[in-house]
Amino acid sequence: MRRADLLPDESWSEDSLINGLTLEELIDSLSDPLDREIFDRYYSKDESQAEIGQNMGITQQAVAKRLKKIEGHLQEGFKRGK
């Protein structure tokens, strides 16, 4: 998983990154299964947004919008120190 792609700056809680458990908890907290699948395909399987869209029957723009929402959810979780 390319966790470094999720780390925008030094403001994230260092404690949140210990052994990746918090990241996994935040991913699991995504309420929409489609969001979890998109996250997995993009960050774990290194599929492009276009590939994800084509394979899931949605546009690349829809994938980009969902990824932005997902990343915001994860960033907020880290800032809260979950």
C-alpha atoms as a PDB file:
ATOM      1  CA  MET A   1       0.000   0.000   0.000  1.00  0.00           C
ATOM      2  CA  ARG A   2       1.326   3.413  -0.886  1.00  0.00           C
ATOM      3  CA  ARG A   3       0.667   5.039   2.470  1.00  0.00           C
ATOM      4  CA  ALA A   4       3.077   7.847   1.637  1.00  0.00           C
ATOM      5  CA  ASP A   5       0.554   9.006  -0.946  1.00  0.00           C
ATOM      6  CA  LEU A   6      -1.891   9.642   1.867  1.00  0.00           C
ATOM      7  CA  LEU A   7       0.465  11.774   3.935  1.00  0.00           C
ATOM      8  CA  PRO A   8       0.141  15.386   2.830  1.00  0.00           C
ATOM      9  CA  ASP A   9       2.285  17.053   5.481  1.00  0.00           C
ATOM     10  CA  GLU A  10       3.782  16.910   8.961  1.00  0.00           C
ATOM     11  CA  SER A  11       0.505  17.849  10.663  1.00  0.00           C
ATOM     12  CA  TRP A  12      -0.650  14.248  10.815  1.00  0.00           C
ATOM     13  CA  SER A  13      -0.444  12.597  14.201  1.00  0.00           C
ATOM     14  CA  GLU A  14       2.661  10.418  14.343  1.00  0.00           C
ATOM     15  CA  ASP A  15       0.875   8.135  16.822  1.00  0.00           C
ATOM     16  CA  SER A  16      -1.772   7.493  14.173  1.00  0.00           C
ATOM     17  CA  LEU A  17       0.788   5.843  11.927  1.00  0.00           C
ATOM     18  CA  ILE A  18       2.158   3.297  14.373  1.00  0.00           C
ATOM     19  CA  ASN A  19       1.894  -0.138  12.687  1.00  0.00           C
ATOM     20  CA  GLY A  20      -0.841   1.037  10.330  1.00  0.00           C
ATOM     21  CA  LEU A  21      -3.712  -0.117  12.509  1.00  0.00           C
ATOM     22  CA  THR A  22      -5.354   3.270  12.541  1.00  0.00           C
ATOM     23  CA  LEU A  23      -5.243   3.486   8.761  1.00  0.00           C
ATOM     24  CA  GLU A  24      -6.902   0.077   8.546  1.00  0.00           C
ATOM     25  CA  GLU A  25      -9.560   1.169  11.054  1.00  0.00           C
ATOM     26  CA  LEU A  26     -10.248   4.313   9.042  1.00  0.00           C
ATOM     27  CA  ILE A  27     -10.515   2.338   5.813  1.00  0.00           C
ATOM     28  CA  ASP A  28     -12.918  -0.069   7.505  1.00  0.00           C
ATOM     29  CA  SER A  29     -14.963   2.916   8.695  1.00  0.00           C
ATOM     30  CA  LEU A  30     -15.770   3.938   5.113  1.00  0.00           C
ATOM     31  CA  SER A  31     -19.527   3.441   4.996  1.00  0.00           C
ATOM     32  CA  ASP A  32     -19.834   2.778   1.281  1.00  0.00           C
ATOM     33  CA  PRO A  33     -18.478  -0.586   0.070  1.00  0.00           C
ATOM     34  CA  LEU A  34     -17.816   1.023  -3.318  1.00  0.00           C
ATOM     35  CA  ASP A  35     -15.473   3.517  -1.632  1.00  0.00           C
ATOM     36  CA  ARG A  36     -13.581   0.682   0.074  1.00  0.00           C
ATOM     37  CA  GLU A  37     -13.240  -1.141  -3.252  1.00  0.00           C
ATOM     38  CA  ILE A  38     -12.020   1.981  -5.048  1.00  0.00           C
ATOM     39  CA  PHE A  39      -9.498   2.644  -2.280  1.00  0.00           C
ATOM     40  CA  ASP A  40      -8.232  -0.941  -2.456  1.00  0.00           C
ATOM     41  CA  ARG A  41      -7.917  -0.929  -6.241  1.00  0.00           C
ATOM     42  CA  TYR A  42      -6.138   2.426  -6.338  1.00  0.00           C
ATOM     43  CA  TYR A  43      -3.782   2.122  -3.368  1.00  0.00           C
ATOM     44  CA  SER A  44      -3.257  -1.628  -2.997  1.00  0.00           C
ATOM     45  CA  LYS A  45      -3.545  -2.857  -6.553  1.00  0.00           C
ATOM     46  CA  ASP A  46      -2.099   0.272  -8.184  1.00  0.00           C
ATOM     47  CA  GLU A  47      -4.893   0.501 -10.764  1.00  0.00           C
ATOM     48  CA  SER A  48      -5.294   3.856 -12.478  1.00  0.00           C
ATOM     49  CA  GLN A  49      -8.459   5.873 -12.047  1.00  0.00           C
ATOM     50  CA  ALA A  50      -9.365   5.106 -15.653  1.00  0.00           C
ATOM     51  CA  GLU A  51      -8.872   1.351 -15.116  1.00  0.00           C
ATOM     52  CA  ILE A  52     -10.994   1.413 -11.971  1.00  0.00           C
ATOM     53  CA  GLY A  53     -13.738   3.313 -13.739  1.00  0.00           C
ATOM     54  CA  GLN A  54     -13.719   0.978 -16.716  1.00  0.00           C
ATOM     55  CA  ASN A  55     -13.762  -2.151 -14.528  1.00  0.00           C
ATOM     56  CA  MET A  56     -16.506  -0.824 -12.268  1.00  0.00           C
ATOM     57  CA  GLY A  57     -18.666   0.794 -14.927  1.00  0.00           C
ATOM     58  CA  ILE A  58     -18.216   4.379 -13.742  1.00  0.00           C
ATOM     59  CA  THR A  59     -16.325   7.329 -15.197  1.00  0.00           C
ATOM     60  CA  GLN A  60     -12.753   8.264 -14.325  1.00  0.00           C
ATOM     61  CA  GLN A  61     -14.150  11.562 -13.028  1.00  0.00           C
ATOM     62  CA  ALA A  62     -16.454   9.674 -10.635  1.00  0.00           C
ATOM     63  CA  VAL A  63     -13.477   7.658  -9.378  1.00  0.00           C
ATOM     64  CA  ALA A  64     -11.452  10.852  -8.858  1.00  0.00           C
ATOM     65  CA  LYS A  65     -14.314  12.458  -6.924  1.00  0.00           C
ATOM     66  CA  ARG A  66     -14.697   9.417  -4.677  1.00  0.00           C
ATOM     67  CA  LEU A  67     -10.939   9.210  -4.063  1.00  0.00           C
ATOM     68  CA  LYS A  68     -10.908  12.862  -3.020  1.00  0.00           C
ATOM     69  CA  LYS A  69     -13.768  12.173  -0.589  1.00  0.00           C
ATOM     70  CA  ILE A  70     -12.029   9.050   0.750  1.00  0.00           C
ATOM     71  CA  GLU A  71      -8.719  10.857   1.218  1.00  0.00           C
ATOM     72  CA  GLY A  72     -10.501  13.669   3.064  1.00  0.00           C
ATOM     73  CA  HIS A  73     -12.142  11.116   5.359  1.00  0.00           C
ATOM     74  CA  LEU A  74      -8.769   9.509   6.119  1.00  0.00           C
ATOM     75  CA  GLN A  75      -7.022  12.843   6.665  1.00  0.00           C
ATOM     76  CA  GLU A  76      -9.725  13.992   9.075  1.00  0.00           C
ATOM     77  CA  GLY A  77      -9.452  10.720  10.979  1.00  0.00           C
ATOM     78  CA  PHE A  78      -5.705  11.144  11.379  1.00  0.00           C
ATOM     79  CA  LYS A  79      -6.061  14.778  12.438  1.00  0.00           C
ATOM     80  CA  ARG A  80      -8.537  13.708  15.112  1.00  0.00           C
ATOM     81  CA  GLY A  81      -5.922  11.211  16.281  1.00  0.00           C
ATOM     82  CA  LYS A  82      -8.246   8.242  15.892  1.00  0.00           C
END
